[in-house]
Amino acid sequence: MSKAIVRFNGYQNTEEIKVEPSSNSMYLNDNQFTTAQIPLGAPITGTVYGTLLNYKGDLAALGDAVNEAPYKQSPKAPILYIKPINTITGFHTPIPLPLDVSELQIGAALGVVIGKNATNVAEEEALDYVSGYTIVNDVSIPHESVYRPAISQKARDGFCPVGPWIIERDVIADPNQLTIQVFINGELKQQNTTANLIRPVARLISDITSFMTLYEGDTVLVGVPENPPFAKEGDLVRIEIEGIGALENIVKAEVNCPLKEDLK
């Protein structure tokens, strides 16, 4: 069993409980429940920062394009963007499929949750500022350009499922050696590992905090691996990250999505 932070659906505060990541189950009053039995909300509270082109294969896939205008070189610093609060949802919350879109890009990302305010943090001390790790689905409408802020593609309502919980930092021996898998309707569609990060977790935190403060509760997404899979209406998306658990959400047409009804 591992220590984790959860937010039960409908509750404002989080709770510390014992979980079993391998079976996606939790223990409440010494009774074991699966994530399918207990409704869970997003366990995070702060700003979510995504990172582009932080997997070696993702950057390599651009080929010579990285040397063309407007930047004419590979990134020298982390390329960041924000997943705003309207995007953040929890485990089993439907992912809205806009009416004019046929499929969504699934972005399996390790979420690094910051435990205390971090400014100008040295790389060798960076993990001391981490409270834990979670699973994030950085959903996006497919698009080609990485040079413009993809707000209309990445910042739609419900485009950032998070969960099922935050595993405490010390449970994960090395966040740079975690297998990530994406299943669509039970079929494995993507597999990668955080060993392929260009900027490992500690260096990413150090580089970001060299020019901005990360606050307690913020979450940094280490990046999305190359060749992300796509999901259509009715597809069940399951993202598994070694040692953390699995995040599941189903894609539903926006007009039929309960999330949209809740937002009215």
C-alpha atoms as a PDB file:
ATOM      1  CA  MET A   1       0.000   0.000   0.000  1.00  0.00           C
ATOM      2  CA  SER A   2       1.014   3.618  -0.581  1.00  0.00           C
ATOM      3  CA  LYS A   3       0.076   6.952   0.934  1.00  0.00           C
ATOM      4  CA  ALA A   4      -1.958   9.193  -1.349  1.00  0.00           C
ATOM      5  CA  ILE A   5      -4.008  12.376  -1.371  1.00  0.00           C
ATOM      6  CA  VAL A   6      -7.553  12.169  -2.794  1.00  0.00           C
ATOM      7  CA  ARG A   7     -10.494  14.495  -3.193  1.00  0.00           C
ATOM      8  CA  PHE A   8     -13.861  12.824  -2.950  1.00  0.00           C
ATOM      9  CA  ASN A   9     -16.352  14.172  -5.443  1.00  0.00           C
ATOM     10  CA  GLY A  10     -18.373  17.028  -3.987  1.00  0.00           C
ATOM     11  CA  TYR A  11     -15.897  17.781  -1.192  1.00  0.00           C
ATOM     12  CA  GLN A  12     -13.655  20.837  -1.097  1.00  0.00           C
ATOM     13  CA  ASN A  13     -10.880  19.418   1.066  1.00  0.00           C
ATOM     14  CA  THR A  14      -8.519  16.580   0.240  1.00  0.00           C
ATOM     15  CA  GLU A  15      -7.906  13.513   2.397  1.00  0.00           C
ATOM     16  CA  GLU A  16      -4.845  11.348   3.009  1.00  0.00           C
ATOM     17  CA  ILE A  17      -5.595   7.647   2.559  1.00  0.00           C
ATOM     18  CA  LYS A  18      -3.908   4.353   1.755  1.00  0.00           C
ATOM     19  CA  VAL A  19      -4.128   3.142  -1.838  1.00  0.00           C
ATOM     20  CA  GLU A  20      -2.988   0.197  -3.929  1.00  0.00           C
ATOM     21  CA  PRO A  21      -1.840   1.615  -7.296  1.00  0.00           C
ATOM     22  CA  SER A  22      -1.552  -1.786  -9.005  1.00  0.00           C
ATOM     23  CA  SER A  23      -5.272  -2.487  -8.518  1.00  0.00           C
ATOM     24  CA  ASN A  24      -6.462   1.143  -8.519  1.00  0.00           C
ATOM     25  CA  SER A  25      -8.066   0.603  -5.141  1.00  0.00           C
ATOM     26  CA  MET A  26      -8.228   2.537  -1.878  1.00  0.00           C
ATOM     27  CA  TYR A  27      -8.767   1.766   1.784  1.00  0.00           C
ATOM     28  CA  LEU A  28     -11.434   3.569   3.812  1.00  0.00           C
ATOM     29  CA  ASN A  29     -12.085   2.490   7.416  1.00  0.00           C
ATOM     30  CA  ASP A  30     -10.095  -0.674   6.698  1.00  0.00           C
ATOM     31  CA  ASN A  31     -12.397  -1.536   3.795  1.00  0.00           C
ATOM     32  CA  GLN A  32     -11.069  -1.799   0.249  1.00  0.00           C
ATOM     33  CA  PHE A  33     -12.859  -0.007  -2.590  1.00  0.00           C
ATOM     34  CA  THR A  34     -12.016   0.396  -6.258  1.00  0.00           C
ATOM     35  CA  THR A  35     -11.940   3.760  -7.980  1.00  0.00           C
ATOM     36  CA  ALA A  36     -15.077   2.676  -9.840  1.00  0.00           C
ATOM     37  CA  GLN A  37     -16.975   2.482  -6.536  1.00  0.00           C
ATOM     38  CA  ILE A  38     -16.044   5.858  -5.026  1.00  0.00           C
ATOM     39  CA  PRO A  39     -16.544   9.059  -7.096  1.00  0.00           C
ATOM     40  CA  LEU A  40     -13.344  11.089  -7.095  1.00  0.00           C
ATOM     41  CA  GLY A  41     -12.654  14.695  -8.053  1.00  0.00           C
ATOM     42  CA  ALA A  42      -9.392  16.190  -9.272  1.00  0.00           C
ATOM     43  CA  PRO A  43      -6.933  16.019  -6.335  1.00  0.00           C
ATOM     44  CA  ILE A  44      -4.953  19.130  -7.322  1.00  0.00           C
ATOM     45  CA  THR A  45      -5.561  22.766  -6.364  1.00  0.00           C
ATOM     46  CA  GLY A  46      -3.105  25.126  -8.105  1.00  0.00           C
ATOM     47  CA  THR A  47      -2.107  26.126 -11.616  1.00  0.00           C
ATOM     48  CA  VAL A  48      -1.302  23.373 -14.109  1.00  0.00           C
ATOM     49  CA  TYR A  49       1.705  24.025 -16.364  1.00  0.00           C
ATOM     50  CA  GLY A  50       2.217  21.868 -19.432  1.00  0.00           C
ATOM     51  CA  THR A  51       5.582  21.361 -21.117  1.00  0.00           C
ATOM     52  CA  LEU A  52       6.062  20.937 -24.869  1.00  0.00           C
ATOM     53  CA  LEU A  53       8.804  18.970 -26.642  1.00  0.00           C
ATOM     54  CA  ASN A  54      10.297  17.419 -23.507  1.00  0.00           C
ATOM     55  CA  TYR A  55      10.423  13.865 -24.847  1.00  0.00           C
ATOM     56  CA  LYS A  56      13.372  12.994 -27.066  1.00  0.00           C
ATOM     57  CA  GLY A  57      11.167  11.319 -29.662  1.00  0.00           C
ATOM     58  CA  ASP A  58       8.730  14.225 -29.765  1.00  0.00           C
ATOM     59  CA  LEU A  59      11.503  16.725 -30.505  1.00  0.00           C
ATOM     60  CA  ALA A  60      13.156  14.376 -33.017  1.00  0.00           C
ATOM     61  CA  ALA A  61       9.846  14.013 -34.881  1.00  0.00           C
ATOM     62  CA  LEU A  62       9.997  17.704 -35.810  1.00  0.00           C
ATOM     63  CA  GLY A  63      13.155  17.052 -37.808  1.00  0.00           C
ATOM     64  CA  ASP A  64      14.575  20.112 -39.546  1.00  0.00           C
ATOM     65  CA  ALA A  65      11.468  22.138 -38.683  1.00  0.00           C
ATOM     66  CA  VAL A  66      13.089  23.158 -35.385  1.00  0.00           C
ATOM     67  CA  ASN A  67      15.766  25.001 -37.379  1.00  0.00           C
ATOM     68  CA  GLU A  68      13.257  26.965 -39.453  1.00  0.00           C
ATOM     69  CA  ALA A  69      11.515  30.267 -38.694  1.00  0.00           C
ATOM     70  CA  PRO A  70      10.485  31.655 -36.311  1.00  0.00           C
ATOM     71  CA  TYR A  71      13.013  30.175 -33.842  1.00  0.00           C
ATOM     72  CA  LYS A  72      15.653  28.561 -36.093  1.00  0.00           C
ATOM     73  CA  GLN A  73      17.009  26.348 -33.284  1.00  0.00           C
ATOM     74  CA  SER A  74      16.037  23.704 -30.757  1.00  0.00           C
ATOM     75  CA  PRO A  75      14.412  24.975 -27.541  1.00  0.00           C
ATOM     76  CA  LYS A  76      16.919  26.381 -25.052  1.00  0.00           C
ATOM     77  CA  ALA A  77      14.427  26.594 -22.179  1.00  0.00           C
ATOM     78  CA  PRO A  78      11.197  24.769 -21.231  1.00  0.00           C
ATOM     79  CA  ILE A  79       8.262  25.567 -23.523  1.00  0.00           C
ATOM     80  CA  LEU A  80       5.373  26.082 -21.119  1.00  0.00           C
ATOM     81  CA  TYR A  81       1.633  26.606 -21.406  1.00  0.00           C
ATOM     82  CA  ILE A  82      -1.233  26.638 -18.897  1.00  0.00           C
ATOM     83  CA  LYS A  83      -4.186  24.294 -18.589  1.00  0.00           C
ATOM     84  CA  PRO A  84      -6.662  26.727 -16.946  1.00  0.00           C
ATOM     85  CA  ILE A  85      -9.125  25.823 -14.219  1.00  0.00           C
ATOM     86  CA  ASN A  86     -12.012  25.244 -16.641  1.00  0.00           C
ATOM     87  CA  THR A  87     -10.105  22.294 -18.123  1.00  0.00           C
ATOM     88  CA  ILE A  88      -9.528  20.432 -14.858  1.00  0.00           C
ATOM     89  CA  THR A  89     -11.776  17.464 -14.063  1.00  0.00           C
ATOM     90  CA  GLY A  90     -11.463  14.203 -12.149  1.00  0.00           C
ATOM     91  CA  PHE A  91     -11.502  10.457 -12.541  1.00  0.00           C
ATOM     92  CA  HIS A  92     -14.367   9.060 -14.677  1.00  0.00           C
ATOM     93  CA  THR A  93     -15.563  12.563 -15.643  1.00  0.00           C
ATOM     94  CA  PRO A  94     -16.496  12.536 -19.337  1.00  0.00           C
ATOM     95  CA  ILE A  95     -14.168  14.290 -21.778  1.00  0.00           C
ATOM     96  CA  PRO A  96     -16.278  16.611 -23.964  1.00  0.00           C
ATOM     97  CA  LEU A  97     -15.882  16.102 -27.719  1.00  0.00           C
ATOM     98  CA  PRO A  98     -16.713  19.408 -29.481  1.00  0.00           C
ATOM     99  CA  LEU A  99     -19.420  19.099 -32.111  1.00  0.00           C
ATOM    100  CA  ASP A 100     -17.126  20.150 -34.963  1.00  0.00           C
ATOM    101  CA  VAL A 101     -14.306  17.759 -33.999  1.00  0.00           C
ATOM    102  CA  SER A 102     -14.095  14.068 -34.944  1.00  0.00           C
ATOM    103  CA  GLU A 103     -11.373  12.943 -32.539  1.00  0.00           C
ATOM    104  CA  LEU A 104      -9.206  14.127 -29.664  1.00  0.00           C
ATOM    105  CA  GLN A 105      -5.488  13.747 -29.042  1.00  0.00           C
ATOM    106  CA  ILE A 106      -4.763  11.975 -25.755  1.00  0.00           C
ATOM    107  CA  GLY A 107      -1.815  13.406 -23.825  1.00  0.00           C
ATOM    108  CA  ALA A 108      -0.524  11.007 -21.185  1.00  0.00           C
ATOM    109  CA  ALA A 109       1.531  13.056 -18.741  1.00  0.00           C
ATOM    110  CA  LEU A 110       3.182  12.594 -15.380  1.00  0.00           C
ATOM    111  CA  GLY A 111       2.002  15.412 -13.119  1.00  0.00           C
ATOM    112  CA  VAL A 112       4.544  16.685 -10.587  1.00  0.00           C
ATOM    113  CA  VAL A 113       2.746  18.371  -7.683  1.00  0.00           C
ATOM    114  CA  ILE A 114       4.682  21.127  -5.937  1.00  0.00           C
ATOM    115  CA  GLY A 115       4.726  20.929  -2.139  1.00  0.00           C
ATOM    116  CA  LYS A 116       6.203  24.333  -1.232  1.00  0.00           C
ATOM    117  CA  ASN A 117       6.938  27.601  -2.990  1.00  0.00           C
ATOM    118  CA  ALA A 118       9.923  27.202  -5.298  1.00  0.00           C
ATOM    119  CA  THR A 119      12.095  30.027  -6.679  1.00  0.00           C
ATOM    120  CA  ASN A 120      15.598  29.627  -8.148  1.00  0.00           C
ATOM    121  CA  VAL A 121      15.771  26.013  -7.011  1.00  0.00           C
ATOM    122  CA  ALA A 122      18.999  24.098  -7.576  1.00  0.00           C
ATOM    123  CA  GLU A 123      18.602  20.884  -9.567  1.00  0.00           C
ATOM    124  CA  GLU A 124      20.049  18.738  -6.768  1.00  0.00           C
ATOM    125  CA  GLU A 125      17.422  20.107  -4.357  1.00  0.00           C
ATOM    126  CA  ALA A 126      14.455  20.235  -6.720  1.00  0.00           C
ATOM    127  CA  LEU A 127      12.745  17.012  -5.639  1.00  0.00           C
ATOM    128  CA  ASP A 128      12.600  18.367  -2.077  1.00  0.00           C
ATOM    129  CA  TYR A 129       9.968  20.794  -3.392  1.00  0.00           C
ATOM    130  CA  VAL A 130       7.741  17.986  -4.724  1.00  0.00           C
ATOM    131  CA  SER A 131       4.839  16.716  -2.614  1.00  0.00           C
ATOM    132  CA  GLY A 132       3.821  13.910  -4.950  1.00  0.00           C
ATOM    133  CA  TYR A 133       2.905  12.652  -8.411  1.00  0.00           C
ATOM    134  CA  THR A 134      -0.353  12.191 -10.272  1.00  0.00           C
ATOM    135  CA  ILE A 135      -1.647  11.202 -13.712  1.00  0.00           C
ATOM    136  CA  VAL A 136      -2.869  13.856 -16.140  1.00  0.00           C
ATOM    137  CA  ASN A 137      -4.593  13.528 -19.504  1.00  0.00           C
ATOM    138  CA  ASP A 138      -3.513  16.635 -21.413  1.00  0.00           C
ATOM    139  CA  VAL A 139      -6.345  16.444 -23.934  1.00  0.00           C
ATOM    140  CA  SER A 140      -6.051  18.469 -27.129  1.00  0.00           C
ATOM    141  CA  ILE A 141      -7.787  18.989 -30.438  1.00  0.00           C
ATOM    142  CA  PRO A 142      -5.239  17.789 -33.024  1.00  0.00           C
ATOM    143  CA  HIS A 143      -3.138  20.632 -34.438  1.00  0.00           C
ATOM    144  CA  GLU A 144       0.246  20.972 -36.110  1.00  0.00           C
ATOM    145  CA  SER A 145       1.828  24.207 -34.940  1.00  0.00           C
ATOM    146  CA  VAL A 146       3.948  24.262 -31.770  1.00  0.00           C
ATOM    147  CA  TYR A 147       4.916  27.905 -32.302  1.00  0.00           C
ATOM    148  CA  ARG A 148       1.589  29.498 -31.342  1.00  0.00           C
ATOM    149  CA  PRO A 149      -0.305  29.204 -28.063  1.00  0.00           C
ATOM    150  CA  ALA A 150      -2.875  26.489 -28.830  1.00  0.00           C
ATOM    151  CA  ILE A 151      -5.513  27.933 -26.515  1.00  0.00           C
ATOM    152  CA  SER A 152      -8.568  26.924 -28.540  1.00  0.00           C
ATOM    153  CA  GLN A 153      -7.162  23.415 -28.964  1.00  0.00           C
ATOM    154  CA  LYS A 154      -5.871  22.724 -25.429  1.00  0.00           C
ATOM    155  CA  ALA A 155      -7.930  24.921 -23.091  1.00  0.00           C
ATOM    156  CA  ARG A 156     -11.465  23.623 -23.737  1.00  0.00           C
ATOM    157  CA  ASP A 157     -13.752  22.757 -20.826  1.00  0.00           C
ATOM    158  CA  GLY A 158     -12.888  19.331 -19.422  1.00  0.00           C
ATOM    159  CA  PHE A 159      -9.623  18.963 -21.357  1.00  0.00           C
ATOM    160  CA  CYS A 160      -7.474  18.125 -18.305  1.00  0.00           C
ATOM    161  CA  PRO A 161      -8.619  15.050 -16.356  1.00  0.00           C
ATOM    162  CA  VAL A 162      -6.410  14.471 -13.296  1.00  0.00           C
ATOM    163  CA  GLY A 163      -6.213  11.610 -10.817  1.00  0.00           C
ATOM    164  CA  PRO A 164      -7.155   9.326  -9.399  1.00  0.00           C
ATOM    165  CA  TRP A 165      -4.957  10.639  -6.577  1.00  0.00           C
ATOM    166  CA  ILE A 166      -1.595  12.170  -5.718  1.00  0.00           C
ATOM    167  CA  ILE A 167       0.925   9.528  -4.691  1.00  0.00           C
ATOM    168  CA  GLU A 168       3.290  10.886  -2.052  1.00  0.00           C
ATOM    169  CA  ARG A 169       6.774  11.720  -3.327  1.00  0.00           C
ATOM    170  CA  ASP A 170       8.754   9.155  -1.359  1.00  0.00           C
ATOM    171  CA  VAL A 171       6.685   6.275  -2.770  1.00  0.00           C
ATOM    172  CA  ILE A 172       8.249   6.863  -6.194  1.00  0.00           C
ATOM    173  CA  ALA A 173      11.943   5.968  -6.043  1.00  0.00           C
ATOM    174  CA  ASP A 174      12.798   7.619  -9.367  1.00  0.00           C
ATOM    175  CA  PRO A 175      10.251   9.712 -11.332  1.00  0.00           C
ATOM    176  CA  ASN A 176      12.566   9.489 -14.351  1.00  0.00           C
ATOM    177  CA  GLN A 177      12.104   5.724 -14.698  1.00  0.00           C
ATOM    178  CA  LEU A 178       8.323   5.312 -14.941  1.00  0.00           C
ATOM    179  CA  THR A 179       6.512   3.370 -17.661  1.00  0.00           C
ATOM    180  CA  ILE A 180       3.528   5.189 -19.172  1.00  0.00           C
ATOM    181  CA  GLN A 181       0.828   3.336 -21.108  1.00  0.00           C
ATOM    182  CA  VAL A 182      -2.337   4.489 -22.869  1.00  0.00           C
ATOM    183  CA  PHE A 183      -5.218   2.119 -23.542  1.00  0.00           C
ATOM    184  CA  ILE A 184      -8.200   2.950 -25.753  1.00  0.00           C
ATOM    185  CA  ASN A 185     -11.129   0.595 -25.145  1.00  0.00           C
ATOM    186  CA  GLY A 186      -8.714  -1.819 -23.484  1.00  0.00           C
ATOM    187  CA  GLU A 187      -6.231  -1.879 -26.375  1.00  0.00           C
ATOM    188  CA  LEU A 188      -2.681  -0.648 -25.768  1.00  0.00           C
ATOM    189  CA  LYS A 189      -2.113   2.341 -28.062  1.00  0.00           C
ATOM    190  CA  GLN A 190       0.998   3.975 -26.616  1.00  0.00           C
ATOM    191  CA  GLN A 191       3.871   3.056 -24.343  1.00  0.00           C
ATOM    192  CA  ASN A 192       6.829   5.156 -23.302  1.00  0.00           C
ATOM    193  CA  THR A 193       8.927   5.965 -20.265  1.00  0.00           C
ATOM    194  CA  THR A 194      10.005   9.067 -18.419  1.00  0.00           C
ATOM    195  CA  ALA A 195      13.564   7.841 -18.970  1.00  0.00           C
ATOM    196  CA  ASN A 196      13.174   9.531 -22.388  1.00  0.00           C
ATOM    197  CA  LEU A 197      12.678  13.019 -20.966  1.00  0.00           C
ATOM    198  CA  ILE A 198      15.014  15.691 -22.321  1.00  0.00           C
ATOM    199  CA  ARG A 199      14.740  17.537 -19.024  1.00  0.00           C
ATOM    200  CA  PRO A 200      14.311  15.051 -16.171  1.00  0.00           C
ATOM    201  CA  VAL A 201      11.959  16.083 -13.378  1.00  0.00           C
ATOM    202  CA  ALA A 202      14.534  17.812 -11.154  1.00  0.00           C
ATOM    203  CA  ARG A 203      16.112  19.734 -14.007  1.00  0.00           C
ATOM    204  CA  LEU A 204      12.703  20.782 -15.335  1.00  0.00           C
ATOM    205  CA  ILE A 205      11.743  22.225 -11.941  1.00  0.00           C
ATOM    206  CA  SER A 206      15.098  23.964 -11.646  1.00  0.00           C
ATOM    207  CA  ASP A 207      14.876  25.465 -15.145  1.00  0.00           C
ATOM    208  CA  ILE A 208      11.315  26.710 -14.627  1.00  0.00           C
ATOM    209  CA  THR A 209      12.000  28.247 -11.220  1.00  0.00           C
ATOM    210  CA  SER A 210      15.007  30.101 -12.614  1.00  0.00           C
ATOM    211  CA  PHE A 211      12.560  32.602 -14.144  1.00  0.00           C
ATOM    212  CA  MET A 212       9.273  32.128 -12.251  1.00  0.00           C
ATOM    213  CA  THR A 213       7.969  30.892  -8.912  1.00  0.00           C
ATOM    214  CA  LEU A 214       6.079  27.639  -8.654  1.00  0.00           C
ATOM    215  CA  TYR A 215       3.659  27.788  -5.738  1.00  0.00           C
ATOM    216  CA  GLU A 216       2.533  25.100  -3.353  1.00  0.00           C
ATOM    217  CA  GLY A 217      -0.227  23.134  -5.051  1.00  0.00           C
ATOM    218  CA  ASP A 218       0.883  23.890  -8.618  1.00  0.00           C
ATOM    219  CA  THR A 219       1.319  20.932 -10.968  1.00  0.00           C
ATOM    220  CA  VAL A 220       3.978  20.638 -13.667  1.00  0.00           C
ATOM    221  CA  LEU A 221       3.337  18.224 -16.540  1.00  0.00           C
ATOM    222  CA  VAL A 222       6.666  16.770 -17.667  1.00  0.00           C
ATOM    223  CA  GLY A 223       5.444  16.465 -21.254  1.00  0.00           C
ATOM    224  CA  VAL A 224       3.539  14.165 -23.597  1.00  0.00           C
ATOM    225  CA  PRO A 225       5.388  11.368 -25.446  1.00  0.00           C
ATOM    226  CA  GLU A 226       5.576  11.293 -29.226  1.00  0.00           C
ATOM    227  CA  ASN A 227       2.837   9.671 -31.324  1.00  0.00           C
ATOM    228  CA  PRO A 228      -0.046  10.308 -28.918  1.00  0.00           C
ATOM    229  CA  PRO A 229      -3.144   8.213 -29.685  1.00  0.00           C
ATOM    230  CA  PHE A 230      -6.530   9.569 -30.677  1.00  0.00           C
ATOM    231  CA  ALA A 231      -9.966   8.906 -29.185  1.00  0.00           C
ATOM    232  CA  LYS A 232     -13.452   9.247 -30.653  1.00  0.00           C
ATOM    233  CA  GLU A 233     -16.910   9.542 -29.143  1.00  0.00           C
ATOM    234  CA  GLY A 234     -17.651   6.620 -26.855  1.00  0.00           C
ATOM    235  CA  ASP A 235     -14.014   5.600 -26.393  1.00  0.00           C
ATOM    236  CA  LEU A 236     -12.796   4.705 -22.910  1.00  0.00           C
ATOM    237  CA  VAL A 237      -9.353   6.184 -22.274  1.00  0.00           C
ATOM    238  CA  ARG A 238      -7.121   4.648 -19.615  1.00  0.00           C
ATOM    239  CA  ILE A 239      -3.702   6.076 -18.763  1.00  0.00           C
ATOM    240  CA  GLU A 240      -1.476   3.998 -16.507  1.00  0.00           C
ATOM    241  CA  ILE A 241       1.723   5.261 -14.903  1.00  0.00           C
ATOM    242  CA  GLU A 242       3.910   2.821 -13.041  1.00  0.00           C
ATOM    243  CA  GLY A 243       3.614   3.120  -9.268  1.00  0.00           C
ATOM    244  CA  ILE A 244       0.816   5.706  -9.410  1.00  0.00           C
ATOM    245  CA  GLY A 245      -2.245   3.923 -10.779  1.00  0.00           C
ATOM    246  CA  ALA A 246      -4.632   4.504 -13.666  1.00  0.00           C
ATOM    247  CA  LEU A 247      -6.774   7.418 -14.820  1.00  0.00           C
ATOM    248  CA  GLU A 248      -9.946   6.554 -16.746  1.00  0.00           C
ATOM    249  CA  ASN A 249     -12.316   8.825 -18.667  1.00  0.00           C
ATOM    250  CA  ILE A 250     -14.785   8.295 -21.482  1.00  0.00           C
ATOM    251  CA  VAL A 251     -15.167  10.607 -24.486  1.00  0.00           C
ATOM    252  CA  LYS A 252     -18.697  11.932 -24.960  1.00  0.00           C
ATOM    253  CA  ALA A 253     -20.171  14.345 -27.482  1.00  0.00           C
ATOM    254  CA  GLU A 254     -20.274  17.828 -25.984  1.00  0.00           C
ATOM    255  CA  VAL A 255     -24.045  18.153 -26.249  1.00  0.00           C
ATOM    256  CA  ASN A 256     -24.487  14.940 -24.224  1.00  0.00           C
ATOM    257  CA  CYS A 257     -21.649  15.502 -21.779  1.00  0.00           C
ATOM    258  CA  PRO A 258     -22.735  15.863 -18.101  1.00  0.00           C
ATOM    259  CA  LEU A 259     -19.832  18.288 -17.565  1.00  0.00           C
ATOM    260  CA  LYS A 260     -21.484  20.772 -19.918  1.00  0.00           C
ATOM    261  CA  GLU A 261     -24.781  20.435 -18.076  1.00  0.00           C
ATOM    262  CA  ASP A 262     -23.000  21.150 -14.804  1.00  0.00           C
ATOM    263  CA  LEU A 263     -21.434  24.280 -16.260  1.00  0.00           C
ATOM    264  CA  LYS A 264     -24.748  25.853 -17.292  1.00  0.00           C
END
